Amino acid sequence: MKPLTSAYPSITEIRQSLATNPFPSSERDRNVQFLTMLKAFFSLLSADADADLTAVDELSLSLVDSDAYRLAAAEMQRDPDVAALIQERYQPPTHDLARLITYPVGSLGQVYAAMLQDSGFERIEMPLDLTTDTAYVEYRWQQTHDLWHVVTGFGTDEISEIGLQAFYLAQFRLPLAGMLVANALIGTTLLAPEAMPDLLRAIALGWELGEQAKPLFAQRWEEAWEKPVCQWRAELGLPLEGVLGR
């Protein structure tokens, strides 16, 4: 008997499918999409660090052609700056960390590059066909996710990450963010109930700040790497010291 997971497409297969057939064209395809989402969602509850990232990637890609994503992509374009970015399919040059680290201390470029170097994170470009609005939104938020960490001040620990996901939800209803917040609530309830107060505070803070701030998705960060992070925060309506004093 084949393993149960063999019935689900791999991340590579999902990417290939999105490149050639952006939306499910049959009931069977939609059922497979739904089951793939569920598989990734529940695997997050018991995944280790490496497997966790793989499951998030799988879940995120499986949502790109969902009704929820299409609704989010349409609604966020009520903002003219966001709409212009999406319709233009704005694609800046690859972020050159070796160059950005030389920018003035406190500038967006320097702080961003230093964070990535200190954490050992590597930026990975999403190999998506950007024909559809949802695919472009997925590409751009993945490309700039660490910049959102820098500008908001949310850390990269598990609870702070969920706080940032709540911020995403308030800004443009990113489907993955809703799934990750729900997953965190379930996992914390079952596996670490003592952490629930901190988790709820992070979610509430992220949501509140996301509703108050200007649309971060509309920003062309790459055109102002030299601008100080504190100036970005002031212009976007974020706490000057960051949400966690960072």
C-alpha atoms as a PDB file:
ATOM      1  CA  MET A   1       0.000   0.000   0.000  1.00  0.00           C
ATOM      2  CA  LYS A   2       1.314   3.459  -0.883  1.00  0.00           C
ATOM      3  CA  PRO A   3       1.873   5.938   1.959  1.00  0.00           C
ATOM      4  CA  LEU A   4      -1.038   8.305   2.538  1.00  0.00           C
ATOM      5  CA  THR A   5       1.099  11.341   1.737  1.00  0.00           C
ATOM      6  CA  SER A   6       1.697  10.065  -1.819  1.00  0.00           C
ATOM      7  CA  ALA A   7      -1.829  11.207  -2.678  1.00  0.00           C
ATOM      8  CA  TYR A   8      -0.767  14.811  -2.182  1.00  0.00           C
ATOM      9  CA  PRO A   9       1.310  16.887  -4.598  1.00  0.00           C
ATOM     10  CA  SER A  10       4.808  17.889  -3.506  1.00  0.00           C
ATOM     11  CA  ILE A  11       5.903  21.529  -3.232  1.00  0.00           C
ATOM     12  CA  THR A  12       7.626  21.190  -6.606  1.00  0.00           C
ATOM     13  CA  GLU A  13       4.445  19.831  -8.181  1.00  0.00           C
ATOM     14  CA  ILE A  14       2.394  22.670  -6.683  1.00  0.00           C
ATOM     15  CA  ARG A  15       4.788  25.245  -8.136  1.00  0.00           C
ATOM     16  CA  GLN A  16       4.680  23.596 -11.544  1.00  0.00           C
ATOM     17  CA  SER A  17       0.892  23.486 -11.441  1.00  0.00           C
ATOM     18  CA  LEU A  18       0.659  27.169 -10.545  1.00  0.00           C
ATOM     19  CA  ALA A  19       2.919  28.046 -13.461  1.00  0.00           C
ATOM     20  CA  THR A  20       0.757  26.223 -16.009  1.00  0.00           C
ATOM     21  CA  ASN A  21      -2.746  26.231 -14.517  1.00  0.00           C
ATOM     22  CA  PRO A  22      -3.149  28.994 -11.932  1.00  0.00           C
ATOM     23  CA  PHE A  23      -6.661  28.055 -10.780  1.00  0.00           C
ATOM     24  CA  PRO A  24      -8.191  24.607 -10.116  1.00  0.00           C
ATOM     25  CA  SER A  25     -10.192  23.678 -13.202  1.00  0.00           C
ATOM     26  CA  SER A  26     -12.129  20.703 -11.874  1.00  0.00           C
ATOM     27  CA  GLU A  27     -13.811  19.497  -8.719  1.00  0.00           C
ATOM     28  CA  ARG A  28     -11.084  16.881  -8.302  1.00  0.00           C
ATOM     29  CA  ASP A  29      -8.379  19.577  -8.480  1.00  0.00           C
ATOM     30  CA  ARG A  30     -10.178  21.641  -5.883  1.00  0.00           C
ATOM     31  CA  ASN A  31     -10.505  18.624  -3.595  1.00  0.00           C
ATOM     32  CA  VAL A  32      -6.788  17.887  -3.934  1.00  0.00           C
ATOM     33  CA  GLN A  33      -6.058  21.534  -3.186  1.00  0.00           C
ATOM     34  CA  PHE A  34      -8.180  21.379  -0.034  1.00  0.00           C
ATOM     35  CA  LEU A  35      -6.574  18.146   1.163  1.00  0.00           C
ATOM     36  CA  THR A  36      -3.110  19.563   0.516  1.00  0.00           C
ATOM     37  CA  MET A  37      -3.953  22.560   2.677  1.00  0.00           C
ATOM     38  CA  LEU A  38      -5.199  20.315   5.479  1.00  0.00           C
ATOM     39  CA  LYS A  39      -2.135  18.092   5.321  1.00  0.00           C
ATOM     40  CA  ALA A  40       0.235  21.063   5.592  1.00  0.00           C
ATOM     41  CA  PHE A  41      -1.887  22.706   8.290  1.00  0.00           C
ATOM     42  CA  PHE A  42      -1.902  19.696  10.591  1.00  0.00           C
ATOM     43  CA  SER A  43       1.730  18.784   9.935  1.00  0.00           C
ATOM     44  CA  LEU A  44       2.656  22.164  11.428  1.00  0.00           C
ATOM     45  CA  LEU A  45       1.302  21.088  14.801  1.00  0.00           C
ATOM     46  CA  SER A  46       4.068  18.537  15.316  1.00  0.00           C
ATOM     47  CA  ALA A  47       6.838  19.681  12.968  1.00  0.00           C
ATOM     48  CA  ASP A  48      10.427  20.430  13.971  1.00  0.00           C
ATOM     49  CA  ALA A  49      12.097  23.650  12.796  1.00  0.00           C
ATOM     50  CA  ASP A  50      13.157  22.448   9.332  1.00  0.00           C
ATOM     51  CA  ALA A  51       9.961  20.535   8.649  1.00  0.00           C
ATOM     52  CA  ASP A  52       7.979  23.510   9.925  1.00  0.00           C
ATOM     53  CA  LEU A  53       9.395  25.762   7.202  1.00  0.00           C
ATOM     54  CA  THR A  54       8.649  23.133   4.569  1.00  0.00           C
ATOM     55  CA  ALA A  55       5.055  22.816   5.764  1.00  0.00           C
ATOM     56  CA  VAL A  56       4.595  26.602   5.762  1.00  0.00           C
ATOM     57  CA  ASP A  57       5.943  26.770   2.206  1.00  0.00           C
ATOM     58  CA  GLU A  58       3.594  23.989   1.119  1.00  0.00           C
ATOM     59  CA  LEU A  59       0.595  25.563   2.835  1.00  0.00           C
ATOM     60  CA  SER A  60       1.349  29.004   1.416  1.00  0.00           C
ATOM     61  CA  LEU A  61       1.688  27.766  -2.158  1.00  0.00           C
ATOM     62  CA  SER A  62      -1.460  25.665  -1.931  1.00  0.00           C
ATOM     63  CA  LEU A  63      -3.435  28.783  -0.999  1.00  0.00           C
ATOM     64  CA  VAL A  64      -2.315  30.933  -3.949  1.00  0.00           C
ATOM     65  CA  ASP A  65      -5.188  29.814  -6.173  1.00  0.00           C
ATOM     66  CA  SER A  66      -7.844  29.794  -3.453  1.00  0.00           C
ATOM     67  CA  ASP A  67     -11.004  31.889  -3.380  1.00  0.00           C
ATOM     68  CA  ALA A  68      -9.764  33.501  -0.168  1.00  0.00           C
ATOM     69  CA  TYR A  69      -6.588  34.663  -1.889  1.00  0.00           C
ATOM     70  CA  ARG A  70      -8.431  36.039  -4.914  1.00  0.00           C
ATOM     71  CA  LEU A  71     -10.748  37.979  -2.589  1.00  0.00           C
ATOM     72  CA  ALA A  72      -7.794  39.343  -0.622  1.00  0.00           C
ATOM     73  CA  ALA A  73      -5.953  40.380  -3.792  1.00  0.00           C
ATOM     74  CA  ALA A  74      -9.052  42.176  -5.064  1.00  0.00           C
ATOM     75  CA  GLU A  75      -9.860  43.948  -1.803  1.00  0.00           C
ATOM     76  CA  MET A  76      -6.316  45.188  -1.180  1.00  0.00           C
ATOM     77  CA  GLN A  77      -6.384  46.972  -4.546  1.00  0.00           C
ATOM     78  CA  ARG A  78      -8.902  49.430  -3.193  1.00  0.00           C
ATOM     79  CA  ASP A  79      -5.771  51.302  -2.171  1.00  0.00           C
ATOM     80  CA  PRO A  80      -4.462  52.997  -5.339  1.00  0.00           C
ATOM     81  CA  ASP A  81      -0.791  52.585  -4.408  1.00  0.00           C
ATOM     82  CA  VAL A  82      -1.241  48.867  -3.770  1.00  0.00           C
ATOM     83  CA  ALA A  83      -3.197  48.499  -7.002  1.00  0.00           C
ATOM     84  CA  ALA A  84      -0.451  50.274  -8.964  1.00  0.00           C
ATOM     85  CA  LEU A  85       2.238  48.004  -7.524  1.00  0.00           C
ATOM     86  CA  ILE A  86       0.269  44.853  -8.342  1.00  0.00           C
ATOM     87  CA  GLN A  87      -0.751  45.894 -11.848  1.00  0.00           C
ATOM     88  CA  GLU A  88       2.812  46.965 -12.629  1.00  0.00           C
ATOM     89  CA  ARG A  89       4.127  43.634 -11.276  1.00  0.00           C
ATOM     90  CA  TYR A  90       6.887  45.628  -9.589  1.00  0.00           C
ATOM     91  CA  GLN A  91      10.019  43.479  -9.439  1.00  0.00           C
ATOM     92  CA  PRO A  92      13.092  45.192  -7.991  1.00  0.00           C
ATOM     93  CA  PRO A  93      16.630  43.854  -8.388  1.00  0.00           C
ATOM     94  CA  THR A  94      17.700  41.012  -6.098  1.00  0.00           C
ATOM     95  CA  HIS A  95      18.571  42.300  -2.632  1.00  0.00           C
ATOM     96  CA  ASP A  96      22.369  42.549  -2.465  1.00  0.00           C
ATOM     97  CA  LEU A  97      23.115  42.025   1.224  1.00  0.00           C
ATOM     98  CA  ALA A  98      26.845  42.619   0.803  1.00  0.00           C
ATOM     99  CA  ARG A  99      26.074  46.095  -0.533  1.00  0.00           C
ATOM    100  CA  LEU A 100      23.224  46.861   1.837  1.00  0.00           C
ATOM    101  CA  ILE A 101      25.323  46.143   4.929  1.00  0.00           C
ATOM    102  CA  THR A 102      27.526  49.116   3.926  1.00  0.00           C
ATOM    103  CA  TYR A 103      24.649  51.590   4.142  1.00  0.00           C
ATOM    104  CA  PRO A 104      24.555  54.026   7.105  1.00  0.00           C
ATOM    105  CA  VAL A 105      23.853  52.446  10.491  1.00  0.00           C
ATOM    106  CA  GLY A 106      20.144  52.574  11.212  1.00  0.00           C
ATOM    107  CA  SER A 107      19.130  52.748   7.564  1.00  0.00           C
ATOM    108  CA  LEU A 108      16.644  50.225   6.239  1.00  0.00           C
ATOM    109  CA  GLY A 109      19.260  48.562   4.043  1.00  0.00           C
ATOM    110  CA  GLN A 110      21.829  48.206   6.825  1.00  0.00           C
ATOM    111  CA  VAL A 111      19.395  46.981   9.494  1.00  0.00           C
ATOM    112  CA  TYR A 112      17.790  44.517   7.092  1.00  0.00           C
ATOM    113  CA  ALA A 113      21.096  43.068   5.895  1.00  0.00           C
ATOM    114  CA  ALA A 114      22.448  42.860   9.450  1.00  0.00           C
ATOM    115  CA  MET A 115      19.335  41.022  10.644  1.00  0.00           C
ATOM    116  CA  LEU A 116      19.597  38.435   7.880  1.00  0.00           C
ATOM    117  CA  GLN A 117      23.325  37.943   8.404  1.00  0.00           C
ATOM    118  CA  ASP A 118      23.021  37.679  12.201  1.00  0.00           C
ATOM    119  CA  SER A 119      20.150  35.202  12.004  1.00  0.00           C
ATOM    120  CA  GLY A 120      21.643  33.124   9.209  1.00  0.00           C
ATOM    121  CA  PHE A 121      18.444  33.450   7.191  1.00  0.00           C
ATOM    122  CA  GLU A 122      18.626  33.167   3.431  1.00  0.00           C
ATOM    123  CA  ARG A 123      16.276  34.929   1.074  1.00  0.00           C
ATOM    124  CA  ILE A 124      14.593  32.583  -1.389  1.00  0.00           C
ATOM    125  CA  GLU A 125      12.856  33.966  -4.450  1.00  0.00           C
ATOM    126  CA  MET A 126       9.504  32.317  -5.059  1.00  0.00           C
ATOM    127  CA  PRO A 127       9.540  30.645  -8.534  1.00  0.00           C
ATOM    128  CA  LEU A 128       6.031  31.691  -9.514  1.00  0.00           C
ATOM    129  CA  ASP A 129       4.464  32.684 -12.798  1.00  0.00           C
ATOM    130  CA  LEU A 130       3.305  36.220 -11.985  1.00  0.00           C
ATOM    131  CA  THR A 131       0.453  36.266 -14.492  1.00  0.00           C
ATOM    132  CA  THR A 132      -2.236  36.344 -11.812  1.00  0.00           C
ATOM    133  CA  ASP A 133      -2.648  38.958  -9.109  1.00  0.00           C
ATOM    134  CA  THR A 134      -2.591  36.321  -6.379  1.00  0.00           C
ATOM    135  CA  ALA A 135       0.702  34.880  -7.602  1.00  0.00           C
ATOM    136  CA  TYR A 136       2.246  38.345  -7.635  1.00  0.00           C
ATOM    137  CA  VAL A 137       1.002  39.122  -4.117  1.00  0.00           C
ATOM    138  CA  GLU A 138       2.492  35.829  -2.934  1.00  0.00           C
ATOM    139  CA  TYR A 139       5.802  36.626  -4.633  1.00  0.00           C
ATOM    140  CA  ARG A 140       6.000  40.151  -3.208  1.00  0.00           C
ATOM    141  CA  TRP A 141       5.039  39.407   0.381  1.00  0.00           C
ATOM    142  CA  GLN A 142       7.491  36.501   0.485  1.00  0.00           C
ATOM    143  CA  GLN A 143      10.188  38.755  -0.990  1.00  0.00           C
ATOM    144  CA  THR A 144       9.638  41.487   1.607  1.00  0.00           C
ATOM    145  CA  HIS A 145       8.635  39.445   4.669  1.00  0.00           C
ATOM    146  CA  ASP A 146      11.887  40.135   6.532  1.00  0.00           C
ATOM    147  CA  LEU A 147      11.533  43.840   5.772  1.00  0.00           C
ATOM    148  CA  TRP A 148       8.184  43.767   7.542  1.00  0.00           C
ATOM    149  CA  HIS A 149       9.954  42.259  10.557  1.00  0.00           C
ATOM    150  CA  VAL A 150      12.450  45.119  10.510  1.00  0.00           C
ATOM    151  CA  VAL A 151       9.953  47.935  10.074  1.00  0.00           C
ATOM    152  CA  THR A 152       7.368  46.672  12.563  1.00  0.00           C
ATOM    153  CA  GLY A 153       9.903  45.456  15.123  1.00  0.00           C
ATOM    154  CA  PHE A 154       8.287  42.036  15.519  1.00  0.00           C
ATOM    155  CA  GLY A 155      10.963  39.447  16.280  1.00  0.00           C
ATOM    156  CA  THR A 156      11.421  36.045  14.671  1.00  0.00           C
ATOM    157  CA  ASP A 157      10.568  33.882  17.680  1.00  0.00           C
ATOM    158  CA  GLU A 158       7.377  31.849  17.344  1.00  0.00           C
ATOM    159  CA  ILE A 159       5.042  34.160  19.258  1.00  0.00           C
ATOM    160  CA  SER A 160       6.375  37.336  17.639  1.00  0.00           C
ATOM    161  CA  GLU A 161       6.010  35.705  14.216  1.00  0.00           C
ATOM    162  CA  ILE A 162       2.330  35.087  14.917  1.00  0.00           C
ATOM    163  CA  GLY A 163       2.006  38.710  16.004  1.00  0.00           C
ATOM    164  CA  LEU A 164       3.314  39.716  12.586  1.00  0.00           C
ATOM    165  CA  GLN A 165       0.868  37.319  10.924  1.00  0.00           C
ATOM    166  CA  ALA A 166      -1.971  39.100  12.736  1.00  0.00           C
ATOM    167  CA  PHE A 167      -0.542  42.360  11.385  1.00  0.00           C
ATOM    168  CA  TYR A 168      -0.713  40.875   7.864  1.00  0.00           C
ATOM    169  CA  LEU A 169      -4.333  39.883   8.407  1.00  0.00           C
ATOM    170  CA  ALA A 170      -5.286  43.399   9.434  1.00  0.00           C
ATOM    171  CA  GLN A 171      -3.460  44.868   6.437  1.00  0.00           C
ATOM    172  CA  PHE A 172      -4.697  42.661   3.611  1.00  0.00           C
ATOM    173  CA  ARG A 173      -6.227  39.391   4.842  1.00  0.00           C
ATOM    174  CA  LEU A 174      -3.359  37.173   3.697  1.00  0.00           C
ATOM    175  CA  PRO A 175      -4.832  33.628   3.735  1.00  0.00           C
ATOM    176  CA  LEU A 176      -1.643  32.017   5.034  1.00  0.00           C
ATOM    177  CA  ALA A 177      -1.628  34.438   7.959  1.00  0.00           C
ATOM    178  CA  GLY A 178      -5.106  33.329   8.993  1.00  0.00           C
ATOM    179  CA  MET A 179      -4.057  29.691   8.815  1.00  0.00           C
ATOM    180  CA  LEU A 180      -0.892  30.292  10.856  1.00  0.00           C
ATOM    181  CA  VAL A 181      -2.745  32.236  13.551  1.00  0.00           C
ATOM    182  CA  ALA A 182      -5.355  29.466  13.779  1.00  0.00           C
ATOM    183  CA  ASN A 183      -2.634  26.815  13.875  1.00  0.00           C
ATOM    184  CA  ALA A 184      -0.809  28.656  16.650  1.00  0.00           C
ATOM    185  CA  LEU A 185      -3.983  28.886  18.743  1.00  0.00           C
ATOM    186  CA  ILE A 186      -4.671  25.163  18.331  1.00  0.00           C
ATOM    187  CA  GLY A 187      -1.076  24.147  18.980  1.00  0.00           C
ATOM    188  CA  THR A 188      -0.740  26.377  22.028  1.00  0.00           C
ATOM    189  CA  THR A 189      -4.024  25.163  23.472  1.00  0.00           C
ATOM    190  CA  LEU A 190      -3.009  21.511  23.128  1.00  0.00           C
ATOM    191  CA  LEU A 191       0.758  21.609  23.621  1.00  0.00           C
ATOM    192  CA  ALA A 192       1.740  24.772  25.516  1.00  0.00           C
ATOM    193  CA  PRO A 193      -1.296  26.301  27.256  1.00  0.00           C
ATOM    194  CA  GLU A 194       0.922  28.330  29.587  1.00  0.00           C
ATOM    195  CA  ALA A 195       1.986  30.423  26.571  1.00  0.00           C
ATOM    196  CA  MET A 196      -1.570  31.387  25.594  1.00  0.00           C
ATOM    197  CA  PRO A 197      -1.620  34.829  27.299  1.00  0.00           C
ATOM    198  CA  ASP A 198       1.562  35.914  25.498  1.00  0.00           C
ATOM    199  CA  LEU A 199       0.253  34.567  22.211  1.00  0.00           C
ATOM    200  CA  LEU A 200      -3.069  36.394  22.533  1.00  0.00           C
ATOM    201  CA  ARG A 201      -1.300  39.639  23.416  1.00  0.00           C
ATOM    202  CA  ALA A 202       0.901  39.317  20.323  1.00  0.00           C
ATOM    203  CA  ILE A 203      -2.125  38.640  18.096  1.00  0.00           C
ATOM    204  CA  ALA A 204      -4.057  41.588  19.543  1.00  0.00           C
ATOM    205  CA  LEU A 205      -1.061  43.904  19.154  1.00  0.00           C
ATOM    206  CA  GLY A 206      -0.400  42.817  15.574  1.00  0.00           C
ATOM    207  CA  TRP A 207      -4.036  43.279  14.587  1.00  0.00           C
ATOM    208  CA  GLU A 208      -4.316  46.701  16.205  1.00  0.00           C
ATOM    209  CA  LEU A 209      -1.107  48.020  14.644  1.00  0.00           C
ATOM    210  CA  GLY A 210      -1.971  46.532  11.255  1.00  0.00           C
ATOM    211  CA  GLU A 211      -5.285  48.365  11.214  1.00  0.00           C
ATOM    212  CA  GLN A 212      -3.657  51.665  12.185  1.00  0.00           C
ATOM    213  CA  ALA A 213      -0.618  51.593   9.893  1.00  0.00           C
ATOM    214  CA  LYS A 214      -0.506  52.627   6.258  1.00  0.00           C
ATOM    215  CA  PRO A 215      -0.336  49.732   3.755  1.00  0.00           C
ATOM    216  CA  LEU A 216       3.135  48.225   3.965  1.00  0.00           C
ATOM    217  CA  PHE A 217       2.482  46.230   0.813  1.00  0.00           C
ATOM    218  CA  ALA A 218       2.395  49.474  -1.194  1.00  0.00           C
ATOM    219  CA  GLN A 219       5.954  50.426  -0.227  1.00  0.00           C
ATOM    220  CA  ARG A 220       8.809  50.288  -2.710  1.00  0.00           C
ATOM    221  CA  TRP A 221      11.401  49.624  -0.044  1.00  0.00           C
ATOM    222  CA  GLU A 222      14.155  48.985  -2.531  1.00  0.00           C
ATOM    223  CA  GLU A 223      14.001  52.568  -3.800  1.00  0.00           C
ATOM    224  CA  ALA A 224      14.895  54.032  -0.401  1.00  0.00           C
ATOM    225  CA  TRP A 225      17.328  51.635   1.290  1.00  0.00           C
ATOM    226  CA  GLU A 226      19.171  54.632   2.735  1.00  0.00           C
ATOM    227  CA  LYS A 227      16.115  55.940   4.614  1.00  0.00           C
ATOM    228  CA  PRO A 228      16.402  55.392   8.402  1.00  0.00           C
ATOM    229  CA  VAL A 229      14.120  52.722   9.844  1.00  0.00           C
ATOM    230  CA  CYS A 230      12.746  55.245  12.334  1.00  0.00           C
ATOM    231  CA  GLN A 231      11.710  57.505   9.438  1.00  0.00           C
ATOM    232  CA  TRP A 232       9.966  54.619   7.680  1.00  0.00           C
ATOM    233  CA  ARG A 233       8.084  53.896  10.908  1.00  0.00           C
ATOM    234  CA  ALA A 234       7.034  57.510  11.356  1.00  0.00           C
ATOM    235  CA  GLU A 235       5.768  57.742   7.781  1.00  0.00           C
ATOM    236  CA  LEU A 236       3.839  54.477   8.066  1.00  0.00           C
ATOM    237  CA  GLY A 237       2.246  55.179  11.437  1.00  0.00           C
ATOM    238  CA  LEU A 238       4.228  52.567  13.388  1.00  0.00           C
ATOM    239  CA  PRO A 239       5.849  52.974  16.837  1.00  0.00           C
ATOM    240  CA  LEU A 240       9.212  54.670  16.366  1.00  0.00           C
ATOM    241  CA  GLU A 241      10.903  52.198  18.706  1.00  0.00           C
ATOM    242  CA  GLY A 242       9.194  49.204  17.057  1.00  0.00           C
ATOM    243  CA  VAL A 243       6.427  47.137  18.605  1.00  0.00           C
ATOM    244  CA  LEU A 244       8.824  45.409  20.975  1.00  0.00           C
ATOM    245  CA  GLY A 245      11.203  48.298  21.474  1.00  0.00           C
ATOM    246  CA  ARG A 246      13.454  47.099  18.645  1.00  0.00           C
END
